[in-house]
Amino acid sequence: MIDVLYFAWVRERIGVPREQVDTTAATVADLVEELKAREPRYEAAFADLRALRVALDQELSDFDASLAGVREVAFFPPMTGG
C-alpha cells in the first residue's frame, strides 16, 4: 500500500486529498496509468503530466522513478514564486 496525496487543482479534480492505493506499479508513471484507468476524474487530473510535479517520501522526483520502498507519493502543480 502506498499513501497518495493530491494538492491544489489535482485534489479538486480527483475530489479527495489523499488515499491509500494498493498497486503493482514499478514506477510513478505506471502508478499514474493505473490511476487514470480508474475513472474520468483521474484521467482529467493526469491528462498533462508536464503540468504536474511528484514527490516520493517528500523528496521531489521524476515520473520514471522507481516506487520500490516508497511509502508516500504526492502530486502537485509546479510552485510559482511571487
N, C-alpha and C. Protein backbone atom coordinates (compact mmCIF):
# COMPACT_ATOMS: atom_id res chain seq x y z
N MET A 1 0.84 -1.20 0.00
CA MET A 1 0.00 0.00 0.00
C MET A 1 0.87 1.25 0.00
N ILE A 2 0.46 2.21 -0.78
CA ILE A 2 1.16 3.49 -0.85
C ILE A 2 0.15 4.58 -0.55
N ASP A 3 0.54 5.55 0.28
CA ASP A 3 -0.28 6.73 0.50
C ASP A 3 -0.08 7.67 -0.69
N VAL A 4 -1.17 8.08 -1.31
CA VAL A 4 -1.10 9.01 -2.43
C VAL A 4 -1.79 10.30 -2.00
N LEU A 5 -1.06 11.41 -2.12
CA LEU A 5 -1.58 12.72 -1.72
C LEU A 5 -1.75 13.59 -2.96
N TYR A 6 -2.82 14.38 -2.95
CA TYR A 6 -3.12 15.27 -4.06
C TYR A 6 -3.23 16.70 -3.52
N PHE A 7 -2.63 17.65 -4.23
CA PHE A 7 -2.65 19.04 -3.79
C PHE A 7 -3.19 19.97 -4.87
N ALA A 8 -3.74 21.10 -4.43
CA ALA A 8 -4.22 22.18 -5.31
C ALA A 8 -5.27 21.66 -6.29
N TRP A 9 -5.15 22.00 -7.57
CA TRP A 9 -6.18 21.63 -8.53
C TRP A 9 -6.21 20.12 -8.78
N VAL A 10 -5.14 19.41 -8.48
CA VAL A 10 -5.16 17.95 -8.63
C VAL A 10 -6.18 17.37 -7.64
N ARG A 11 -6.14 17.85 -6.40
CA ARG A 11 -7.09 17.43 -5.37
C ARG A 11 -8.51 17.81 -5.78
N GLU A 12 -8.68 19.00 -6.33
CA GLU A 12 -10.01 19.44 -6.74
C GLU A 12 -10.59 18.55 -7.82
N ARG A 13 -9.77 18.15 -8.79
CA ARG A 13 -10.27 17.30 -9.88
C ARG A 13 -10.58 15.88 -9.42
N ILE A 14 -9.77 15.36 -8.52
CA ILE A 14 -9.97 13.98 -8.06
C ILE A 14 -11.03 13.92 -6.96
N GLY A 15 -11.08 14.95 -6.12
CA GLY A 15 -12.13 15.04 -5.11
C GLY A 15 -11.74 14.54 -3.73
N VAL A 16 -10.51 14.09 -3.55
CA VAL A 16 -10.03 13.67 -2.23
C VAL A 16 -8.61 14.19 -2.03
N PRO A 17 -8.23 14.50 -0.79
CA PRO A 17 -6.87 15.00 -0.55
C PRO A 17 -5.83 13.89 -0.50
N ARG A 18 -6.27 12.66 -0.14
CA ARG A 18 -5.32 11.54 -0.04
C ARG A 18 -6.09 10.23 -0.08
N GLU A 19 -5.38 9.18 -0.42
CA GLU A 19 -5.96 7.85 -0.39
C GLU A 19 -4.85 6.82 -0.31
N GLN A 20 -5.19 5.63 0.14
CA GLN A 20 -4.23 4.54 0.13
C GLN A 20 -4.50 3.72 -1.12
N VAL A 21 -3.43 3.43 -1.85
CA VAL A 21 -3.56 2.72 -3.11
C VAL A 21 -2.77 1.41 -3.04
N ASP A 22 -3.45 0.33 -3.36
CA ASP A 22 -2.80 -0.96 -3.46
C ASP A 22 -2.37 -1.09 -4.91
N THR A 23 -1.07 -1.08 -5.17
CA THR A 23 -0.59 -1.01 -6.54
C THR A 23 0.51 -2.03 -6.81
N THR A 24 0.62 -2.41 -8.07
CA THR A 24 1.73 -3.26 -8.52
C THR A 24 2.67 -2.43 -9.39
N ALA A 25 2.45 -1.13 -9.44
CA ALA A 25 3.25 -0.24 -10.29
C ALA A 25 4.72 -0.26 -9.88
N ALA A 26 5.60 -0.27 -10.88
CA ALA A 26 7.04 -0.25 -10.63
C ALA A 26 7.58 1.17 -10.58
N THR A 27 6.94 2.09 -11.31
CA THR A 27 7.40 3.47 -11.39
C THR A 27 6.22 4.41 -11.14
N VAL A 28 6.53 5.68 -10.95
CA VAL A 28 5.48 6.68 -10.79
C VAL A 28 4.59 6.71 -12.04
N ALA A 29 5.20 6.64 -13.20
CA ALA A 29 4.43 6.66 -14.46
C ALA A 29 3.45 5.49 -14.51
N ASP A 30 3.89 4.32 -14.05
CA ASP A 30 2.99 3.15 -14.00
C ASP A 30 1.82 3.41 -13.05
N LEU A 31 2.10 4.01 -11.92
CA LEU A 31 1.05 4.35 -10.96
C LEU A 31 0.05 5.32 -11.58
N VAL A 32 0.55 6.32 -12.28
CA VAL A 32 -0.32 7.29 -12.95
C VAL A 32 -1.24 6.57 -13.93
N GLU A 33 -0.70 5.63 -14.69
CA GLU A 33 -1.53 4.88 -15.65
C GLU A 33 -2.60 4.08 -14.94
N GLU A 34 -2.26 3.46 -13.81
CA GLU A 34 -3.26 2.72 -13.03
C GLU A 34 -4.35 3.66 -12.54
N LEU A 35 -3.97 4.82 -12.03
CA LEU A 35 -4.95 5.78 -11.53
C LEU A 35 -5.84 6.30 -12.66
N LYS A 36 -5.24 6.62 -13.80
CA LYS A 36 -6.01 7.14 -14.93
C LYS A 36 -7.06 6.14 -15.41
N ALA A 37 -6.76 4.85 -15.26
CA ALA A 37 -7.69 3.82 -15.71
C ALA A 37 -8.88 3.65 -14.76
N ARG A 38 -8.81 4.23 -13.57
CA ARG A 38 -9.88 4.08 -12.58
C ARG A 38 -11.19 4.70 -13.03
N GLU A 39 -11.15 5.99 -13.36
CA GLU A 39 -12.36 6.71 -13.75
C GLU A 39 -11.99 8.07 -14.33
N PRO A 40 -12.94 8.75 -14.97
CA PRO A 40 -12.64 10.00 -15.68
C PRO A 40 -12.01 11.10 -14.85
N ARG A 41 -12.34 11.21 -13.57
CA ARG A 41 -11.76 12.29 -12.77
C ARG A 41 -10.24 12.14 -12.65
N TYR A 42 -9.75 10.90 -12.59
CA TYR A 42 -8.30 10.68 -12.55
C TYR A 42 -7.69 10.97 -13.92
N GLU A 43 -8.38 10.57 -14.95
CA GLU A 43 -7.92 10.86 -16.32
C GLU A 43 -7.76 12.36 -16.50
N ALA A 44 -8.72 13.14 -16.01
CA ALA A 44 -8.66 14.60 -16.13
C ALA A 44 -7.49 15.17 -15.32
N ALA A 45 -7.28 14.66 -14.12
CA ALA A 45 -6.22 15.18 -13.26
C ALA A 45 -4.83 14.90 -13.83
N PHE A 46 -4.67 13.77 -14.49
CA PHE A 46 -3.36 13.37 -15.00
C PHE A 46 -3.24 13.49 -16.52
N ALA A 47 -4.10 14.30 -17.12
CA ALA A 47 -4.11 14.43 -18.59
C ALA A 47 -2.80 15.00 -19.14
N ASP A 48 -2.18 15.92 -18.43
CA ASP A 48 -0.95 16.56 -18.91
C ASP A 48 0.10 16.51 -17.81
N LEU A 49 0.96 15.51 -17.86
CA LEU A 49 1.97 15.34 -16.82
C LEU A 49 2.98 16.47 -16.78
N ARG A 50 3.10 17.23 -17.87
CA ARG A 50 4.00 18.38 -17.87
C ARG A 50 3.53 19.45 -16.89
N ALA A 51 2.24 19.40 -16.53
CA ALA A 51 1.67 20.37 -15.60
C ALA A 51 1.71 19.88 -14.15
N LEU A 52 2.41 18.77 -13.92
CA LEU A 52 2.45 18.18 -12.58
C LEU A 52 3.88 17.94 -12.11
N ARG A 53 4.03 17.94 -10.81
CA ARG A 53 5.28 17.53 -10.16
C ARG A 53 4.93 16.38 -9.23
N VAL A 54 5.95 15.60 -8.88
CA VAL A 54 5.72 14.47 -7.99
C VAL A 54 6.83 14.43 -6.94
N ALA A 55 6.45 14.05 -5.73
CA ALA A 55 7.43 13.85 -4.65
C ALA A 55 7.23 12.45 -4.09
N LEU A 56 8.34 11.77 -3.85
CA LEU A 56 8.32 10.44 -3.24
C LEU A 56 8.90 10.56 -1.84
N ASP A 57 8.10 10.19 -0.85
CA ASP A 57 8.51 10.34 0.55
C ASP A 57 9.08 11.74 0.80
N GLN A 58 8.38 12.75 0.30
CA GLN A 58 8.66 14.17 0.49
C GLN A 58 9.95 14.65 -0.19
N GLU A 59 10.41 13.91 -1.20
CA GLU A 59 11.58 14.33 -2.00
C GLU A 59 11.12 14.49 -3.44
N LEU A 60 11.36 15.67 -4.01
CA LEU A 60 10.99 15.90 -5.41
C LEU A 60 11.61 14.83 -6.29
N SER A 61 10.83 14.30 -7.21
CA SER A 61 11.29 13.18 -8.02
C SER A 61 10.80 13.31 -9.45
N ASP A 62 11.02 12.26 -10.25
CA ASP A 62 10.61 12.21 -11.64
C ASP A 62 9.56 11.11 -11.84
N PHE A 63 8.83 11.21 -12.93
CA PHE A 63 7.79 10.23 -13.20
C PHE A 63 8.36 8.85 -13.58
N ASP A 64 9.64 8.79 -13.95
CA ASP A 64 10.24 7.49 -14.27
C ASP A 64 10.92 6.86 -13.04
N ALA A 65 10.77 7.49 -11.87
CA ALA A 65 11.39 6.99 -10.64
C ALA A 65 10.72 5.70 -10.17
N SER A 66 11.51 4.84 -9.57
CA SER A 66 11.03 3.58 -9.01
C SER A 66 10.21 3.83 -7.75
N LEU A 67 9.20 3.00 -7.55
CA LEU A 67 8.39 3.07 -6.34
C LEU A 67 8.85 2.06 -5.28
N ALA A 68 9.93 1.36 -5.53
CA ALA A 68 10.43 0.35 -4.59
C ALA A 68 10.72 1.01 -3.23
N GLY A 69 10.08 0.53 -2.19
CA GLY A 69 10.29 1.03 -0.85
C GLY A 69 9.61 2.35 -0.53
N VAL A 70 8.91 2.93 -1.48
CA VAL A 70 8.26 4.23 -1.29
C VAL A 70 6.97 4.06 -0.49
N ARG A 71 6.77 4.93 0.49
CA ARG A 71 5.55 4.88 1.31
C ARG A 71 4.54 5.95 0.93
N GLU A 72 5.04 7.07 0.35
CA GLU A 72 4.14 8.19 0.06
C GLU A 72 4.49 8.82 -1.29
N VAL A 73 3.45 9.04 -2.10
CA VAL A 73 3.59 9.73 -3.39
C VAL A 73 2.67 10.94 -3.34
N ALA A 74 3.22 12.12 -3.68
CA ALA A 74 2.42 13.33 -3.69
C ALA A 74 2.45 13.96 -5.08
N PHE A 75 1.27 14.35 -5.55
CA PHE A 75 1.16 15.01 -6.86
C PHE A 75 0.70 16.45 -6.63
N PHE A 76 1.34 17.39 -7.33
CA PHE A 76 1.01 18.80 -7.16
C PHE A 76 1.45 19.58 -8.39
N PRO A 77 0.84 20.75 -8.61
CA PRO A 77 1.28 21.60 -9.72
C PRO A 77 2.62 22.25 -9.37
N PRO A 78 3.33 22.72 -10.39
CA PRO A 78 4.60 23.41 -10.12
C PRO A 78 4.36 24.63 -9.22
N MET A 79 5.29 24.90 -8.37
CA MET A 79 5.17 26.06 -7.49
C MET A 79 5.63 27.31 -8.24
N THR A 80 4.96 28.39 -7.97
CA THR A 80 5.36 29.65 -8.59
C THR A 80 5.69 30.65 -7.49
N GLY A 81 6.62 31.48 -7.75
CA GLY A 81 7.00 32.50 -6.77
C GLY A 81 6.16 33.74 -6.93
N GLY A 82 6.34 34.67 -6.02
CA GLY A 82 5.62 35.92 -6.22
C GLY A 82 5.26 36.63 -5.00
